[in-house]
Amino acid sequence: MLAVLGALVANGLITILKFIGALLTGSAGLMAESLHSLADTTNQVFVIAAVGLLLGQYPVPPYEGRLWDGIASITIGVVLAIVAFYLARSSRGLLLGEAATAKNCAKILEAVKSHLNVVDVVELLTMHLAPKQILVNAHVNLKDDLTNNEIIQTIAEIEETIKKAEPKVDMIFLETARQKDSNVPLPMPQHIG
């Protein structure tokens, strides 16, 4: 019985460490693994309790034992259903390529517009690749009088400013054009976000 209890304690500690790792890294996979370990540890508690009853350490009339088994089975089912719901809910947006939040988009848009060589942001599209990883795709109109070297420098500075404003941004794709060369004369508000 000591080995079984030792395994329970070890599984409990592993579950806690996985939760800590998932929270620190934001990894959806590690969070799923944490919840799976929690379900396993909970099941182990019920098994230990059932073994204790079966060994007669806690005498229980047969009717009450069957009632306890039923309650334990329902409880396990409820725990697993809650875990499944949570995982589906938290993973749904990532699987569908969810856009960054309005707050994240506002930070990114402000970072781009803050550069002196930017005339306007025509289009800003974002997508979560992971909980803490955002892809940015933007179409930016620049001042007409910039040289190619100034455009290259401006792009590098914009990318640096975006990453400082929103550290979750991992990948940036900027399409730039001088205002006079742009085939899109006005920003598209429905494409900002």
Protein backbone atom coordinates (compact mmCIF):
# COMPACT_ATOMS: atom_id res chain seq x y z
CA MET A 1 0.00 0.00 0.00
CA LEU A 2 2.95 2.36 0.65
CA ALA A 3 4.12 1.98 -2.95
CA VAL A 4 0.67 2.96 -4.21
CA LEU A 5 0.58 6.02 -1.94
CA GLY A 6 4.12 6.93 -3.02
CA ALA A 7 3.04 6.75 -6.65
CA LEU A 8 0.06 9.00 -5.86
CA VAL A 9 2.33 11.61 -4.25
CA ALA A 10 4.76 11.43 -7.20
CA ASN A 11 1.93 11.80 -9.73
CA GLY A 12 0.55 14.75 -7.77
CA LEU A 13 3.94 16.49 -7.82
CA ILE A 14 4.37 15.80 -11.54
CA THR A 15 0.92 17.28 -12.17
CA ILE A 16 1.80 20.43 -10.22
CA LEU A 17 5.12 20.81 -12.08
CA LYS A 18 3.38 20.40 -15.44
CA PHE A 19 0.87 23.10 -14.50
CA ILE A 20 3.69 25.44 -13.49
CA GLY A 21 5.51 24.74 -16.76
CA ALA A 22 2.34 25.32 -18.79
CA LEU A 23 1.65 28.62 -17.05
CA LEU A 24 5.23 29.85 -17.47
CA THR A 25 5.55 28.89 -21.14
CA GLY A 26 1.95 29.36 -22.28
CA SER A 27 2.17 26.01 -24.05
CA ALA A 28 -1.26 24.62 -24.92
CA GLY A 29 0.25 21.14 -25.29
CA LEU A 30 1.77 21.24 -21.82
CA MET A 31 -1.52 22.54 -20.37
CA ALA A 32 -3.33 19.61 -22.00
CA GLU A 33 -0.76 17.24 -20.54
CA SER A 34 -1.20 18.89 -17.10
CA LEU A 35 -4.95 18.40 -17.19
CA HIS A 36 -4.49 14.80 -18.32
CA SER A 37 -2.15 14.18 -15.37
CA LEU A 38 -4.69 15.79 -13.04
CA ALA A 39 -7.38 13.41 -14.32
CA ASP A 40 -5.01 10.45 -13.86
CA THR A 41 -4.14 11.52 -10.31
CA THR A 42 -7.82 11.97 -9.45
CA ASN A 43 -8.54 8.50 -10.81
CA GLN A 44 -5.72 7.11 -8.69
CA VAL A 45 -7.29 8.64 -5.56
CA PHE A 46 -10.55 6.85 -6.35
CA VAL A 47 -8.73 3.57 -6.99
CA ILE A 48 -6.90 3.81 -3.66
CA ALA A 49 -10.16 4.53 -1.88
CA ALA A 50 -11.82 1.57 -3.59
CA VAL A 51 -8.94 -0.74 -2.73
CA GLY A 52 -9.16 0.39 0.89
CA LEU A 53 -12.85 -0.48 0.93
CA LEU A 54 -12.30 -3.82 -0.72
CA LEU A 55 -9.59 -4.80 1.73
CA GLY A 56 -11.99 -4.19 4.56
CA GLN A 57 -10.02 -1.41 6.18
CA TYR A 58 -13.23 0.55 6.30
CA PRO A 59 -16.16 -1.82 6.69
CA VAL A 60 -19.04 -0.66 4.54
CA PRO A 61 -22.32 -2.48 3.96
CA PRO A 62 -22.63 -3.77 0.35
CA TYR A 63 -25.43 -1.34 -0.53
CA GLU A 64 -23.39 1.69 0.57
CA GLY A 65 -20.34 0.34 -1.28
CA ARG A 66 -22.33 0.15 -4.54
CA LEU A 67 -23.61 3.68 -3.90
CA TRP A 68 -20.06 4.92 -3.36
CA ASP A 69 -18.93 3.21 -6.60
CA GLY A 70 -21.70 4.98 -8.48
CA ILE A 71 -20.82 8.36 -7.00
CA ALA A 72 -17.12 7.80 -7.76
CA SER A 73 -17.90 6.88 -11.39
CA ILE A 74 -20.09 9.95 -11.87
CA THR A 75 -17.46 12.20 -10.27
CA ILE A 76 -14.76 10.85 -12.57
CA GLY A 77 -17.01 11.45 -15.56
CA VAL A 78 -17.71 15.03 -14.48
CA VAL A 79 -13.99 15.75 -13.96
CA LEU A 80 -13.15 14.38 -17.41
CA ALA A 81 -16.01 16.35 -19.02
CA ILE A 82 -14.79 19.59 -17.40
CA VAL A 83 -11.23 18.93 -18.57
CA ALA A 84 -12.43 18.20 -22.12
CA PHE A 85 -14.55 21.36 -22.21
CA TYR A 86 -11.67 23.52 -20.96
CA LEU A 87 -9.23 22.07 -23.50
CA ALA A 88 -11.67 22.46 -26.39
CA ARG A 89 -12.45 26.04 -25.39
CA SER A 90 -8.83 27.12 -24.96
CA SER A 91 -7.58 25.36 -28.11
CA ARG A 92 -10.39 26.38 -30.45
CA GLY A 93 -9.04 29.85 -31.25
CA LEU A 94 -5.52 28.58 -31.80
CA LEU A 95 -6.71 25.86 -34.16
CA LEU A 96 -8.70 28.37 -36.21
CA GLY A 97 -5.91 30.97 -36.38
CA GLU A 98 -7.55 33.47 -34.06
CA ALA A 99 -6.65 37.15 -34.54
CA ALA A 100 -4.80 39.01 -31.81
CA THR A 101 -6.95 40.83 -29.26
CA ALA A 102 -8.10 44.39 -29.92
CA LYS A 103 -5.62 45.56 -27.26
CA ASN A 104 -2.72 43.77 -29.00
CA CYS A 105 -3.78 45.14 -32.41
CA ALA A 106 -4.00 48.68 -31.02
CA LYS A 107 -0.44 48.43 -29.66
CA ILE A 108 0.85 47.11 -32.98
CA LEU A 109 -1.00 49.75 -35.02
CA GLU A 110 0.25 52.53 -32.76
CA ALA A 111 3.81 51.21 -33.04
CA VAL A 112 3.67 51.25 -36.85
CA LYS A 113 2.02 54.68 -37.07
CA SER A 114 4.53 56.16 -34.62
CA HIS A 115 7.35 55.99 -37.18
CA LEU A 116 8.02 59.33 -38.86
CA ASN A 117 8.24 57.80 -42.33
CA VAL A 118 4.82 56.12 -42.14
CA VAL A 119 1.98 57.96 -43.89
CA ASP A 120 -0.71 55.41 -43.13
CA VAL A 121 -1.42 51.77 -42.35
CA VAL A 122 -3.62 50.43 -45.13
CA GLU A 123 -4.01 46.92 -43.75
CA LEU A 124 -3.05 45.18 -40.52
CA LEU A 125 -3.77 41.49 -40.11
CA THR A 126 -2.78 39.40 -37.10
CA MET A 127 -2.98 35.73 -36.21
CA HIS A 128 -2.08 33.74 -33.11
CA LEU A 129 0.34 30.91 -33.87
CA ALA A 130 0.45 29.93 -30.19
CA PRO A 131 -0.83 31.52 -26.96
CA LYS A 132 2.20 33.80 -26.76
CA GLN A 133 3.15 33.98 -30.43
CA ILE A 134 1.55 36.43 -32.89
CA LEU A 135 2.11 36.80 -36.62
CA VAL A 136 1.70 40.31 -38.09
CA ASN A 137 1.04 41.10 -41.76
CA ALA A 138 0.77 44.80 -42.62
CA HIS A 139 0.50 46.99 -45.71
CA VAL A 140 2.09 50.34 -44.93
CA ASN A 141 2.26 53.49 -47.05
CA LEU A 142 5.50 55.41 -46.61
CA LYS A 143 6.56 58.97 -47.48
CA ASP A 144 7.14 59.54 -51.18
CA ASP A 145 10.66 60.98 -50.92
CA LEU A 146 12.37 57.95 -49.29
CA THR A 147 15.31 56.23 -50.96
CA ASN A 148 15.53 52.43 -51.09
CA ASN A 149 18.05 52.42 -48.23
CA GLU A 150 15.75 54.62 -46.13
CA ILE A 151 12.85 52.24 -46.83
CA ILE A 152 14.94 49.25 -45.71
CA GLN A 153 15.99 51.12 -42.54
CA THR A 154 12.37 52.18 -41.89
CA ILE A 155 11.14 48.58 -42.17
CA ALA A 156 13.79 47.39 -39.69
CA GLU A 157 12.87 50.17 -37.26
CA ILE A 158 9.13 49.46 -37.57
CA GLU A 159 9.70 45.76 -36.87
CA GLU A 160 11.80 46.60 -33.80
CA THR A 161 9.16 49.04 -32.54
CA ILE A 162 6.38 46.46 -33.01
CA LYS A 163 8.29 43.83 -31.02
CA LYS A 164 8.95 46.31 -28.21
CA ALA A 165 5.28 47.37 -28.12
CA GLU A 166 3.95 43.79 -28.19
CA PRO A 167 6.50 41.13 -27.12
CA LYS A 168 4.19 38.31 -28.25
CA VAL A 169 4.87 39.27 -31.89
CA ASP A 170 7.14 36.63 -33.37
CA MET A 171 6.86 37.01 -37.14
CA ILE A 172 6.30 40.21 -39.12
CA PHE A 173 5.56 40.60 -42.83
CA LEU A 174 5.49 44.22 -44.01
CA GLU A 175 4.38 45.23 -47.47
CA THR A 176 5.47 48.79 -48.09
CA ALA A 177 4.87 51.28 -50.87
CA ARG A 178 5.45 54.94 -51.32
CA GLN A 179 2.18 56.86 -51.00
CA LYS A 180 2.28 57.85 -54.70
CA ASP A 181 2.93 54.22 -55.80
CA SER A 182 0.24 52.63 -53.64
CA ASN A 183 -2.63 51.03 -55.53
CA VAL A 184 -4.81 51.32 -52.41
CA PRO A 185 -5.52 55.02 -51.91
CA LEU A 186 -7.33 54.81 -48.54
CA PRO A 187 -6.93 52.60 -45.47
CA MET A 188 -9.41 49.73 -45.18
CA PRO A 189 -10.85 49.89 -41.63
CA GLN A 190 -12.33 46.41 -41.95
CA HIS A 191 -8.80 45.09 -42.50
CA ILE A 192 -7.30 46.60 -39.36
CA GLY A 193 -7.13 43.98 -36.62
